[in-house]
PDB file of N, CA and C in Angstrom:
ATOM      1  N   MET A   1      19.224  -5.896   2.194  1.00  0.00           N
ATOM      2  CA  MET A   1      18.531  -6.690   1.211  1.00  0.00           C
ATOM      3  C   MET A   1      19.116  -6.375  -0.161  1.00  0.00           C
ATOM      4  N   HIS A   2      19.204  -7.360  -1.011  1.00  0.00           N
ATOM      5  CA  HIS A   2      19.765  -7.168  -2.351  1.00  0.00           C
ATOM      6  C   HIS A   2      18.869  -6.264  -3.194  1.00  0.00           C
ATOM      7  N   PRO A   3      19.473  -5.350  -3.934  1.00  0.00           N
ATOM      8  CA  PRO A   3      18.674  -4.440  -4.758  1.00  0.00           C
ATOM      9  C   PRO A   3      17.742  -5.169  -5.735  1.00  0.00           C
ATOM     10  N   GLU A   4      18.182  -6.297  -6.260  1.00  0.00           N
ATOM     11  CA  GLU A   4      17.350  -7.029  -7.214  1.00  0.00           C
ATOM     12  C   GLU A   4      16.026  -7.457  -6.575  1.00  0.00           C
ATOM     13  N   LYS A   5      16.088  -7.848  -5.312  1.00  0.00           N
ATOM     14  CA  LYS A   5      14.874  -8.264  -4.615  1.00  0.00           C
ATOM     15  C   LYS A   5      13.959  -7.065  -4.372  1.00  0.00           C
ATOM     16  N   LEU A   6      14.531  -5.930  -3.997  1.00  0.00           N
ATOM     17  CA  LEU A   6      13.733  -4.729  -3.796  1.00  0.00           C
ATOM     18  C   LEU A   6      13.069  -4.289  -5.093  1.00  0.00           C
ATOM     19  N   VAL A   7      13.809  -4.360  -6.189  1.00  0.00           N
ATOM     20  CA  VAL A   7      13.254  -3.998  -7.496  1.00  0.00           C
ATOM     21  C   VAL A   7      12.107  -4.931  -7.848  1.00  0.00           C
ATOM     22  N   ARG A   8      12.302  -6.213  -7.659  1.00  0.00           N
ATOM     23  CA  ARG A   8      11.251  -7.184  -7.969  1.00  0.00           C
ATOM     24  C   ARG A   8      10.006  -6.903  -7.129  1.00  0.00           C
ATOM     25  N   MET A   9      10.203  -6.644  -5.851  1.00  0.00           N
ATOM     26  CA  MET A   9       9.071  -6.364  -4.964  1.00  0.00           C
ATOM     27  C   MET A   9       8.365  -5.063  -5.367  1.00  0.00           C
ATOM     28  N   ALA A  10       9.124  -4.015  -5.618  1.00  0.00           N
ATOM     29  CA  ALA A  10       8.527  -2.732  -6.016  1.00  0.00           C
ATOM     30  C   ALA A  10       7.767  -2.883  -7.329  1.00  0.00           C
ATOM     31  N   ASN A  11       8.330  -3.629  -8.259  1.00  0.00           N
ATOM     32  CA  ASN A  11       7.658  -3.851  -9.538  1.00  0.00           C
ATOM     33  C   ASN A  11       6.358  -4.630  -9.360  1.00  0.00           C
ATOM     34  N   GLN A  12       6.364  -5.626  -8.496  1.00  0.00           N
ATOM     35  CA  GLN A  12       5.140  -6.391  -8.249  1.00  0.00           C
ATOM     36  C   GLN A  12       4.054  -5.505  -7.644  1.00  0.00           C
ATOM     37  N   ILE A  13       4.432  -4.664  -6.721  1.00  0.00           N
ATOM     38  CA  ILE A  13       3.475  -3.749  -6.102  1.00  0.00           C
ATOM     39  C   ILE A  13       2.922  -2.791  -7.153  1.00  0.00           C
ATOM     40  N   ALA A  14       3.818  -2.231  -7.960  1.00  0.00           N
ATOM     41  CA  ALA A  14       3.400  -1.293  -9.006  1.00  0.00           C
ATOM     42  C   ALA A  14       2.493  -1.974 -10.028  1.00  0.00           C
ATOM     43  N   GLN A  15       2.822  -3.189 -10.420  1.00  0.00           N
ATOM     44  CA  GLN A  15       1.991  -3.893 -11.391  1.00  0.00           C
ATOM     45  C   GLN A  15       0.613  -4.185 -10.826  1.00  0.00           C
ATOM     46  N   PHE A  16       0.538  -4.499  -9.532  1.00  0.00           N
ATOM     47  CA  PHE A  16      -0.763  -4.722  -8.904  1.00  0.00           C
ATOM     48  C   PHE A  16      -1.614  -3.460  -8.994  1.00  0.00           C
ATOM     49  N   PHE A  17      -1.072  -2.335  -8.548  1.00  0.00           N
ATOM     50  CA  PHE A  17      -1.858  -1.104  -8.542  1.00  0.00           C
ATOM     51  C   PHE A  17      -2.163  -0.628  -9.963  1.00  0.00           C
ATOM     52  N   THR A  18      -1.255  -0.839 -10.897  1.00  0.00           N
ATOM     53  CA  THR A  18      -1.517  -0.483 -12.292  1.00  0.00           C
ATOM     54  C   THR A  18      -2.656  -1.329 -12.843  1.00  0.00           C
ATOM     55  N   SER A  19      -2.705  -2.600 -12.478  1.00  0.00           N
ATOM     56  CA  SER A  19      -3.753  -3.492 -12.983  1.00  0.00           C
ATOM     57  C   SER A  19      -5.138  -3.119 -12.466  1.00  0.00           C
ATOM     58  N   GLN A  20      -5.192  -2.305 -11.410  1.00  0.00           N
ATOM     59  CA  GLN A  20      -6.469  -1.869 -10.869  1.00  0.00           C
ATOM     60  C   GLN A  20      -7.139  -0.819 -11.763  1.00  0.00           C
ATOM     61  N   GLY A  21      -6.403  -0.343 -12.759  1.00  0.00           N
ATOM     62  CA  GLY A  21      -6.960   0.571 -13.747  1.00  0.00           C
ATOM     63  C   GLY A  21      -7.131   2.006 -13.281  1.00  0.00           C
ATOM     64  N   ASN A  22      -6.445   2.374 -12.231  1.00  0.00           N
ATOM     65  CA  ASN A  22      -6.560   3.770 -11.797  1.00  0.00           C
ATOM     66  C   ASN A  22      -5.354   4.564 -12.268  1.00  0.00           C
ATOM     67  N   ASP A  23      -5.511   5.868 -12.262  1.00  0.00           N
ATOM     68  CA  ASP A  23      -4.435   6.746 -12.728  1.00  0.00           C
ATOM     69  C   ASP A  23      -3.458   7.126 -11.629  1.00  0.00           C
ATOM     70  N   HIS A  24      -3.715   6.694 -10.412  1.00  0.00           N
ATOM     71  CA  HIS A  24      -2.848   7.095  -9.313  1.00  0.00           C
ATOM     72  C   HIS A  24      -2.060   5.920  -8.737  1.00  0.00           C
ATOM     73  N   ALA A  25      -1.666   4.997  -9.597  1.00  0.00           N
ATOM     74  CA  ALA A  25      -0.877   3.841  -9.151  1.00  0.00           C
ATOM     75  C   ALA A  25       0.410   4.264  -8.436  1.00  0.00           C
ATOM     76  N   PRO A  26       1.194   5.219  -8.978  1.00  0.00           N
ATOM     77  CA  PRO A  26       2.424   5.591  -8.257  1.00  0.00           C
ATOM     78  C   PRO A  26       2.154   6.085  -6.837  1.00  0.00           C
ATOM     79  N   ALA A  27       1.092   6.854  -6.650  1.00  0.00           N
ATOM     80  CA  ALA A  27       0.755   7.334  -5.302  1.00  0.00           C
ATOM     81  C   ALA A  27       0.395   6.164  -4.390  1.00  0.00           C
ATOM     82  N   ASP A  28      -0.312   5.180  -4.935  1.00  0.00           N
ATOM     83  CA  ASP A  28      -0.665   4.003  -4.145  1.00  0.00           C
ATOM     84  C   ASP A  28       0.582   3.196  -3.777  1.00  0.00           C
ATOM     85  N   VAL A  29       1.536   3.144  -4.693  1.00  0.00           N
ATOM     86  CA  VAL A  29       2.786   2.431  -4.418  1.00  0.00           C
ATOM     87  C   VAL A  29       3.550   3.144  -3.303  1.00  0.00           C
ATOM     88  N   VAL A  30       3.628   4.454  -3.380  1.00  0.00           N
ATOM     89  CA  VAL A  30       4.312   5.220  -2.328  1.00  0.00           C
ATOM     90  C   VAL A  30       3.662   4.932  -0.977  1.00  0.00           C
ATOM     91  N   ASP A  31       2.337   4.970  -0.945  1.00  0.00           N
ATOM     92  CA  ASP A  31       1.613   4.701   0.297  1.00  0.00           C
ATOM     93  C   ASP A  31       1.945   3.308   0.826  1.00  0.00           C
ATOM     94  N   HIS A  32       1.974   2.331  -0.054  1.00  0.00           N
ATOM     95  CA  HIS A  32       2.296   0.957   0.338  1.00  0.00           C
ATOM     96  C   HIS A  32       3.721   0.867   0.905  1.00  0.00           C
ATOM     97  N   LEU A  33       4.662   1.490   0.217  1.00  0.00           N
ATOM     98  CA  LEU A  33       6.055   1.442   0.677  1.00  0.00           C
ATOM     99  C   LEU A  33       6.200   2.082   2.054  1.00  0.00           C
ATOM    100  N   LYS A  34       5.494   3.175   2.287  1.00  0.00           N
ATOM    101  CA  LYS A  34       5.559   3.838   3.588  1.00  0.00           C
ATOM    102  C   LYS A  34       4.959   2.969   4.689  1.00  0.00           C
ATOM    103  N   LYS A  35       3.878   2.285   4.371  1.00  0.00           N
ATOM    104  CA  LYS A  35       3.182   1.487   5.377  1.00  0.00           C
ATOM    105  C   LYS A  35       3.879   0.167   5.694  1.00  0.00           C
ATOM    106  N   PHE A  36       4.432  -0.478   4.667  1.00  0.00           N
ATOM    107  CA  PHE A  36       4.867  -1.861   4.843  1.00  0.00           C
ATOM    108  C   PHE A  36       6.358  -2.122   4.690  1.00  0.00           C
ATOM    109  N   TRP A  37       7.116  -1.186   4.184  1.00  0.00           N
ATOM    110  CA  TRP A  37       8.553  -1.393   4.047  1.00  0.00           C
ATOM    111  C   TRP A  37       9.275  -0.745   5.213  1.00  0.00           C
ATOM    112  N   GLU A  38      10.315  -1.412   5.676  1.00  0.00           N
ATOM    113  CA  GLU A  38      11.171  -0.842   6.718  1.00  0.00           C
ATOM    114  C   GLU A  38      11.896   0.388   6.175  1.00  0.00           C
ATOM    115  N   PRO A  39      12.243   1.326   7.044  1.00  0.00           N
ATOM    116  CA  PRO A  39      12.981   2.502   6.583  1.00  0.00           C
ATOM    117  C   PRO A  39      14.254   2.142   5.806  1.00  0.00           C
ATOM    118  N   ARG A  40      14.947   1.077   6.236  1.00  0.00           N
ATOM    119  CA  ARG A  40      16.168   0.683   5.511  1.00  0.00           C
ATOM    120  C   ARG A  40      15.862   0.269   4.081  1.00  0.00           C
ATOM    121  N   MET A  41      14.754  -0.429   3.887  1.00  0.00           N
ATOM    122  CA  MET A  41      14.361  -0.855   2.540  1.00  0.00           C
ATOM    123  C   MET A  41      14.036   0.360   1.675  1.00  0.00           C
ATOM    124  N   ARG A  42      13.323   1.319   2.238  1.00  0.00           N
ATOM    125  CA  ARG A  42      12.989   2.534   1.480  1.00  0.00           C
ATOM    126  C   ARG A  42      14.262   3.301   1.124  1.00  0.00           C
ATOM    127  N   GLU A  43      15.179   3.366   2.072  1.00  0.00           N
ATOM    128  CA  GLU A  43      16.454   4.052   1.818  1.00  0.00           C
ATOM    129  C   GLU A  43      17.220   3.360   0.694  1.00  0.00           C
ATOM    130  N   GLN A  44      17.248   2.039   0.724  1.00  0.00           N
ATOM    131  CA  GLN A  44      17.982   1.282  -0.300  1.00  0.00           C
ATOM    132  C   GLN A  44      17.372   1.462  -1.681  1.00  0.00           C
ATOM    133  N   ILE A  45      16.035   1.426  -1.787  1.00  0.00           N
ATOM    134  CA  ILE A  45      15.429   1.555  -3.111  1.00  0.00           C
ATOM    135  C   ILE A  45      15.610   2.977  -3.646  1.00  0.00           C
ATOM    136  N   CYS A  46      15.595   3.979  -2.764  1.00  0.00           N
ATOM    137  CA  CYS A  46      15.850   5.355  -3.200  1.00  0.00           C
ATOM    138  C   CYS A  46      17.295   5.505  -3.679  1.00  0.00           C
ATOM    139  N   ALA A  47      18.232   4.905  -2.947  1.00  0.00           N
ATOM    140  CA  ALA A  47      19.639   4.950  -3.363  1.00  0.00           C
ATOM    141  C   ALA A  47      19.820   4.227  -4.694  1.00  0.00           C
ATOM    142  N   TYR A  48      19.101   3.124  -4.882  1.00  0.00           N
ATOM    143  CA  TYR A  48      19.181   2.376  -6.138  1.00  0.00           C
ATOM    144  C   TYR A  48      18.688   3.244  -7.291  1.00  0.00           C
ATOM    145  N   LEU A  49      17.626   3.990  -7.080  1.00  0.00           N
ATOM    146  CA  LEU A  49      17.130   4.886  -8.123  1.00  0.00           C
ATOM    147  C   LEU A  49      18.178   5.950  -8.443  1.00  0.00           C
ATOM    148  N   ASP A  50      18.832   6.478  -7.411  1.00  0.00           N
ATOM    149  CA  ASP A  50      19.895   7.479  -7.621  1.00  0.00           C
ATOM    150  C   ASP A  50      21.021   6.936  -8.485  1.00  0.00           C
ATOM    151  N   GLU A  51      21.223   5.613  -8.434  1.00  0.00           N
ATOM    152  CA  GLU A  51      22.280   4.975  -9.223  1.00  0.00           C
ATOM    153  C   GLU A  51      21.799   4.581 -10.619  1.00  0.00           C
ATOM    154  N   GLY A  52      20.564   4.942 -10.963  1.00  0.00           N
ATOM    155  CA  GLY A  52      20.049   4.648 -12.291  1.00  0.00           C
ATOM    156  C   GLY A  52      18.720   3.920 -12.278  1.00  0.00           C
ATOM    157  N   GLY A  53      18.466   3.135 -11.258  1.00  0.00           N
ATOM    158  CA  GLY A  53      17.182   2.461 -11.122  1.00  0.00           C
ATOM    159  C   GLY A  53      16.866   1.438 -12.192  1.00  0.00           C
ATOM    160  N   GLU A  54      17.890   0.794 -12.710  1.00  0.00           N
ATOM    161  CA  GLU A  54      17.692  -0.180 -13.783  1.00  0.00           C
ATOM    162  C   GLU A  54      16.705  -1.270 -13.366  1.00  0.00           C
ATOM    163  N   GLY A  55      15.756  -1.543 -14.250  1.00  0.00           N
ATOM    164  CA  GLY A  55      14.809  -2.622 -14.031  1.00  0.00           C
ATOM    165  C   GLY A  55      13.501  -2.217 -13.395  1.00  0.00           C
ATOM    166  N   LEU A  56      13.411  -1.006 -12.876  1.00  0.00           N
ATOM    167  CA  LEU A  56      12.147  -0.554 -12.290  1.00  0.00           C
ATOM    168  C   LEU A  56      11.146  -0.245 -13.400  1.00  0.00           C
ATOM    169  N   VAL A  57       9.938  -0.782 -13.281  1.00  0.00           N
ATOM    170  CA  VAL A  57       8.884  -0.465 -14.256  1.00  0.00           C
ATOM    171  C   VAL A  57       8.474   0.990 -14.041  1.00  0.00           C
ATOM    172  N   PRO A  58       7.849   1.623 -15.049  1.00  0.00           N
ATOM    173  CA  PRO A  58       7.552   3.061 -14.940  1.00  0.00           C
ATOM    174  C   PRO A  58       6.802   3.479 -13.677  1.00  0.00           C
ATOM    175  N   ALA A  59       5.760   2.755 -13.279  1.00  0.00           N
ATOM    176  CA  ALA A  59       5.004   3.154 -12.083  1.00  0.00           C
ATOM    177  C   ALA A  59       5.859   3.026 -10.826  1.00  0.00           C
ATOM    178  N   ALA A  60       6.697   2.005 -10.758  1.00  0.00           N
ATOM    179  CA  ALA A  60       7.584   1.830  -9.605  1.00  0.00           C
ATOM    180  C   ALA A  60       8.652   2.916  -9.597  1.00  0.00           C
ATOM    181  N   ARG A  61       9.197   3.222 -10.760  1.00  0.00           N
ATOM    182  CA  ARG A  61      10.221   4.264 -10.862  1.00  0.00           C
ATOM    183  C   ARG A  61       9.656   5.606 -10.392  1.00  0.00           C
ATOM    184  N   GLU A  62       8.460   5.932 -10.863  1.00  0.00           N
ATOM    185  CA  GLU A  62       7.844   7.198 -10.463  1.00  0.00           C
ATOM    186  C   GLU A  62       7.560   7.211  -8.964  1.00  0.00           C
ATOM    187  N   ALA A  63       7.088   6.094  -8.442  1.00  0.00           N
ATOM    188  CA  ALA A  63       6.792   6.006  -7.015  1.00  0.00           C
ATOM    189  C   ALA A  63       8.052   6.205  -6.181  1.00  0.00           C
ATOM    190  N   VAL A  64       9.120   5.552  -6.555  1.00  0.00           N
ATOM    191  CA  VAL A  64      10.367   5.675  -5.795  1.00  0.00           C
ATOM    192  C   VAL A  64      10.910   7.099  -5.906  1.00  0.00           C
ATOM    193  N   ALA A  65      10.759   7.714  -7.078  1.00  0.00           N
ATOM    194  CA  ALA A  65      11.193   9.108  -7.232  1.00  0.00           C
ATOM    195  C   ALA A  65      10.387  10.020  -6.311  1.00  0.00           C
ATOM    196  N   ARG A  66       9.078   9.777  -6.221  1.00  0.00           N
ATOM    197  CA  ARG A  66       8.244  10.572  -5.310  1.00  0.00           C
ATOM    198  C   ARG A  66       8.653  10.343  -3.856  1.00  0.00           C
ATOM    199  N   LEU A  67       8.893   9.091  -3.518  1.00  0.00           N
ATOM    200  CA  LEU A  67       9.317   8.763  -2.160  1.00  0.00           C
ATOM    201  C   LEU A  67      10.635   9.458  -1.831  1.00  0.00           C
ATOM    202  N   ALA A  68      11.574   9.421  -2.762  1.00  0.00           N
ATOM    203  CA  ALA A  68      12.869  10.065  -2.539  1.00  0.00           C
ATOM    204  C   ALA A  68      12.698  11.569  -2.353  1.00  0.00           C
ATOM    205  N   ALA A  69      11.823  12.180  -3.149  1.00  0.00           N
ATOM    206  CA  ALA A  69      11.584  13.619  -3.031  1.00  0.00           C
ATOM    207  C   ALA A  69      10.961  13.944  -1.673  1.00  0.00           C
ATOM    208  N   GLU A  70      10.013  13.110  -1.231  1.00  0.00           N
ATOM    209  CA  GLU A  70       9.401  13.321   0.080  1.00  0.00           C
ATOM    210  C   GLU A  70      10.426  13.174   1.195  1.00  0.00           C
ATOM    211  N   ARG A  71      11.308  12.211   1.038  1.00  0.00           N
ATOM    212  CA  ARG A  71      12.340  11.963   2.069  1.00  0.00           C
ATOM    213  C   ARG A  71      13.277  13.158   2.178  1.00  0.00           C
ATOM    214  N   GLN A  72      13.542  13.832   1.063  1.00  0.00           N
ATOM    215  CA  GLN A  72      14.408  15.004   1.109  1.00  0.00           C
ATOM    216  C   GLN A  72      13.715  16.156   1.824  1.00  0.00           C
ATOM    217  N   MET A  73      12.381  16.256   1.622  1.00  0.00           N
ATOM    218  CA  MET A  73      11.610  17.320   2.248  1.00  0.00           C
ATOM    219  C   MET A  73      11.353  17.030   3.726  1.00  0.00           C
ATOM    220  N   GLN A  74      11.192  15.730   4.053  1.00  0.00           N
ATOM    221  CA  GLN A  74      10.872  15.326   5.425  1.00  0.00           C
ATOM    222  C   GLN A  74      11.742  14.127   5.803  1.00  0.00           C
ATOM    223  N   PRO A  75      12.969  14.359   6.220  1.00  0.00           N
ATOM    224  CA  PRO A  75      13.827  13.236   6.603  1.00  0.00           C
ATOM    225  C   PRO A  75      13.152  12.354   7.661  1.00  0.00           C
ATOM    226  N   GLY A  76      13.392  11.075   7.538  1.00  0.00           N
ATOM    227  CA  GLY A  76      12.819  10.131   8.473  1.00  0.00           C
ATOM    228  C   GLY A  76      11.654   9.344   7.911  1.00  0.00           C
ATOM    229  N   LEU A  77      11.212   9.702   6.692  1.00  0.00           N
ATOM    230  CA  LEU A  77      10.126   8.940   6.073  1.00  0.00           C
ATOM    231  C   LEU A  77      10.603   7.604   5.584  1.00  0.00           C
TER     232      LEU A  77
END
């Protein structure tokens, strides 16, 4: 999948959870990505962040960073 589409999707998810007014939007985004994104999609968005992550909104950027950190600790996520 094209990185631009993944960024757009991650940003939409992050904006939804941010609009809910809670302080744990990044955690909710991580949970959503784990539940509904294919492993290849998660791998691609983590690799995109490693390359700079241009265009990711703050909550999405933080979520992907958390996901990447979890993946390093527990491969296969």
